[in-house]
N, C-alpha and C. Protein backbone atom coordinates (compact mmCIF):
# COMPACT_ATOMS: atom_id res chain seq x y z
N MET A 1 62.32 -168.13 45.59
CA MET A 1 62.62 -169.88 45.29
C MET A 1 63.44 -169.89 44.76
N SER A 2 63.47 -169.50 43.08
CA SER A 2 64.60 -169.48 42.21
C SER A 2 65.54 -168.88 42.69
N LEU A 3 65.71 -168.04 43.58
CA LEU A 3 67.03 -167.84 44.07
C LEU A 3 67.62 -168.82 44.74
N ASN A 4 67.23 -169.47 45.72
CA ASN A 4 67.95 -170.55 46.38
C ASN A 4 68.36 -171.58 45.37
N TYR A 5 67.77 -171.88 44.02
CA TYR A 5 68.36 -173.05 43.32
C TYR A 5 69.51 -172.13 42.65
N ILE A 6 69.44 -170.75 42.24
CA ILE A 6 70.33 -170.31 41.84
C ILE A 6 71.61 -170.30 42.67
N GLY A 7 71.25 -169.89 44.16
CA GLY A 7 72.43 -170.33 45.02
C GLY A 7 73.07 -171.52 44.95
N MET A 8 72.33 -172.62 44.98
CA MET A 8 73.03 -173.67 45.01
C MET A 8 73.49 -174.09 44.00
N LEU A 9 73.29 -173.45 42.80
CA LEU A 9 74.12 -173.88 41.70
C LEU A 9 75.56 -172.99 41.60
N VAL A 10 75.41 -172.21 42.08
CA VAL A 10 76.70 -171.19 42.55
C VAL A 10 77.61 -171.62 43.22
N GLY A 11 77.22 -172.34 44.53
CA GLY A 11 77.98 -172.73 45.53
C GLY A 11 78.49 -174.03 44.83
N LEU A 12 77.46 -175.16 44.17
CA LEU A 12 78.47 -176.52 43.26
C LEU A 12 79.27 -176.00 42.33
N ILE A 13 78.93 -175.13 41.44
CA ILE A 13 80.06 -174.32 40.48
C ILE A 13 81.19 -173.70 41.31
N ILE A 14 81.04 -173.43 42.29
CA ILE A 14 82.28 -173.07 42.77
C ILE A 14 83.54 -173.77 43.76
N ALA A 15 82.28 -174.98 44.14
CA ALA A 15 83.38 -176.20 44.51
C ALA A 15 84.06 -176.62 43.40
N LEU A 16 83.18 -177.30 42.22
CA LEU A 16 83.98 -178.22 41.42
C LEU A 16 85.23 -177.36 40.49
N VAL A 17 84.54 -176.30 40.34
CA VAL A 17 85.78 -175.21 39.42
C VAL A 17 87.39 -175.07 40.27
N ASN A 18 87.08 -174.88 41.60
CA ASN A 18 88.23 -175.08 42.63
C ASN A 18 88.59 -176.69 42.58
N ILE A 19 88.36 -177.93 42.26
CA ILE A 19 88.34 -178.85 42.47
C ILE A 19 89.19 -179.47 41.22
N PHE A 20 88.79 -178.96 40.34
CA PHE A 20 89.57 -179.58 38.93
C PHE A 20 89.81 -178.41 38.20
N ASP A 21 90.58 -177.20 38.33
CA ASP A 21 90.90 -176.06 37.79
C ASP A 21 91.49 -175.22 39.02
N PRO A 22 92.11 -175.33 39.83
CA PRO A 22 92.79 -174.84 41.11
C PRO A 22 93.15 -173.19 40.74
N GLN A 23 92.62 -172.24 41.01
CA GLN A 23 93.43 -171.03 41.45
C GLN A 23 94.25 -170.92 42.17
N PHE A 24 93.77 -171.62 43.55
CA PHE A 24 94.87 -171.09 44.50
C PHE A 24 95.47 -172.51 45.10
N GLU A 25 96.27 -172.47 45.76
CA GLU A 25 96.86 -173.84 46.29
C GLU A 25 96.95 -173.85 47.66
N GLY A 26 96.98 -174.99 48.18
CA GLY A 26 97.05 -175.74 49.59
C GLY A 26 95.84 -175.25 49.89
N PHE A 27 95.72 -174.49 51.49
CA PHE A 27 94.89 -174.70 52.35
C PHE A 27 93.51 -174.29 51.92
N MET A 28 94.01 -172.73 51.03
CA MET A 28 93.14 -171.89 50.93
C MET A 28 92.09 -172.61 49.54
N ARG A 29 92.32 -173.44 48.64
CA ARG A 29 91.90 -173.95 47.88
C ARG A 29 91.05 -174.86 48.27
N TRP A 30 91.20 -175.79 49.71
CA TRP A 30 90.08 -176.42 50.27
C TRP A 30 89.13 -175.69 50.87
N VAL A 31 89.30 -174.31 51.80
CA VAL A 31 88.77 -173.76 52.10
C VAL A 31 87.79 -173.14 51.13
N ILE A 32 88.21 -172.77 49.94
CA ILE A 32 86.77 -172.14 48.90
C ILE A 32 86.30 -173.44 48.63
N VAL A 33 86.85 -174.89 48.34
CA VAL A 33 85.66 -175.75 47.55
C VAL A 33 84.56 -176.02 49.20
N SER A 34 85.04 -176.09 50.50
CA SER A 34 84.51 -176.44 51.41
C SER A 34 83.14 -175.06 51.64
N GLY A 35 83.90 -174.03 51.78
CA GLY A 35 82.44 -172.99 51.08
C GLY A 35 81.61 -173.47 50.56
N GLY A 36 82.05 -173.38 49.40
CA GLY A 36 81.41 -173.90 48.22
C GLY A 36 79.85 -174.79 48.46
N LEU A 37 80.70 -175.99 48.74
CA LEU A 37 80.01 -177.19 48.88
C LEU A 37 78.94 -176.85 50.41
N LEU A 38 79.19 -176.01 51.27
CA LEU A 38 78.32 -175.51 52.49
C LEU A 38 77.39 -174.90 51.64
N ALA A 39 77.92 -173.91 50.81
CA ALA A 39 76.43 -173.27 50.32
C ALA A 39 75.68 -173.64 49.63
N SER A 40 75.74 -174.70 48.65
CA SER A 40 75.31 -175.36 47.92
C SER A 40 74.33 -176.43 48.56
N ILE A 41 74.75 -177.02 50.06
CA ILE A 41 74.45 -177.68 50.87
C ILE A 41 73.24 -176.86 51.38
N LEU A 42 73.25 -175.78 52.24
CA LEU A 42 72.63 -174.94 52.72
C LEU A 42 71.26 -174.58 52.10
N HIS A 43 71.61 -174.21 50.35
CA HIS A 43 70.74 -173.99 49.45
C HIS A 43 69.81 -174.88 49.72
N LEU A 44 69.98 -176.34 49.53
CA LEU A 44 69.43 -177.31 49.19
C LEU A 44 68.02 -177.75 50.20
N LYS A 45 69.23 -177.32 51.53
CA LYS A 45 68.70 -177.39 52.76
C LYS A 45 67.23 -176.75 52.95
N ILE A 46 67.08 -175.23 52.64
CA ILE A 46 65.98 -174.14 52.45
C ILE A 46 65.07 -174.86 51.43
N VAL A 47 65.54 -175.09 50.57
CA VAL A 47 64.58 -175.78 49.26
C VAL A 47 63.86 -176.63 50.10
N LEU A 48 64.38 -178.01 50.24
CA LEU A 48 63.80 -179.27 50.74
C LEU A 48 62.63 -178.81 51.80
N THR A 49 63.11 -177.59 52.75
CA THR A 49 62.29 -177.55 53.72
C THR A 49 61.48 -176.62 52.91
N LYS A 50 60.93 -176.07 51.95
CA LYS A 50 60.23 -175.02 51.53
C LYS A 50 59.13 -175.98 50.87
N ASN A 51 59.71 -176.75 50.63
CA ASN A 51 58.99 -178.23 49.49
C ASN A 51 57.95 -178.56 50.48
N ARG A 52 58.51 -179.35 51.58
CA ARG A 52 57.98 -179.80 52.78
C ARG A 52 56.88 -179.20 53.44
N ASN A 53 57.20 -178.14 53.70
CA ASN A 53 56.22 -177.15 54.25
C ASN A 53 54.81 -176.95 53.26
N LYS A 54 55.26 -176.71 52.15
CA LYS A 54 54.32 -176.62 51.50
C LYS A 54 53.21 -177.99 50.77
N VAL A 55 54.15 -178.65 50.78
CA VAL A 55 53.15 -180.17 50.95
C VAL A 55 52.45 -180.27 52.47
N VAL A 56 53.02 -180.21 53.39
CA VAL A 56 52.06 -179.99 54.78
C VAL A 56 50.81 -179.35 54.79
N LYS A 57 50.38 -177.50 54.23
CA LYS A 57 49.89 -177.15 53.90
C LYS A 57 48.51 -177.51 53.01
N GLN A 58 49.01 -178.40 52.14
CA GLN A 58 47.94 -178.83 51.25
C GLN A 58 47.33 -179.92 52.04
N ASN A 59 47.80 -180.77 53.07
CA ASN A 59 47.13 -181.63 53.68
C ASN A 59 46.36 -180.90 54.47
């Protein structure tokens, strides 16, 4: 479970670093930003699904 939080944080850091301090120019910069945001969103989805399943099992 904690690996999902770490993955979400890393994806967000990658996206924010490339927005505010770009190491690449043009199209490649936005590919990296999009990939970081996508990774962050996918890990968030996994975390929320696991939490929802845990609540359903308790009921």
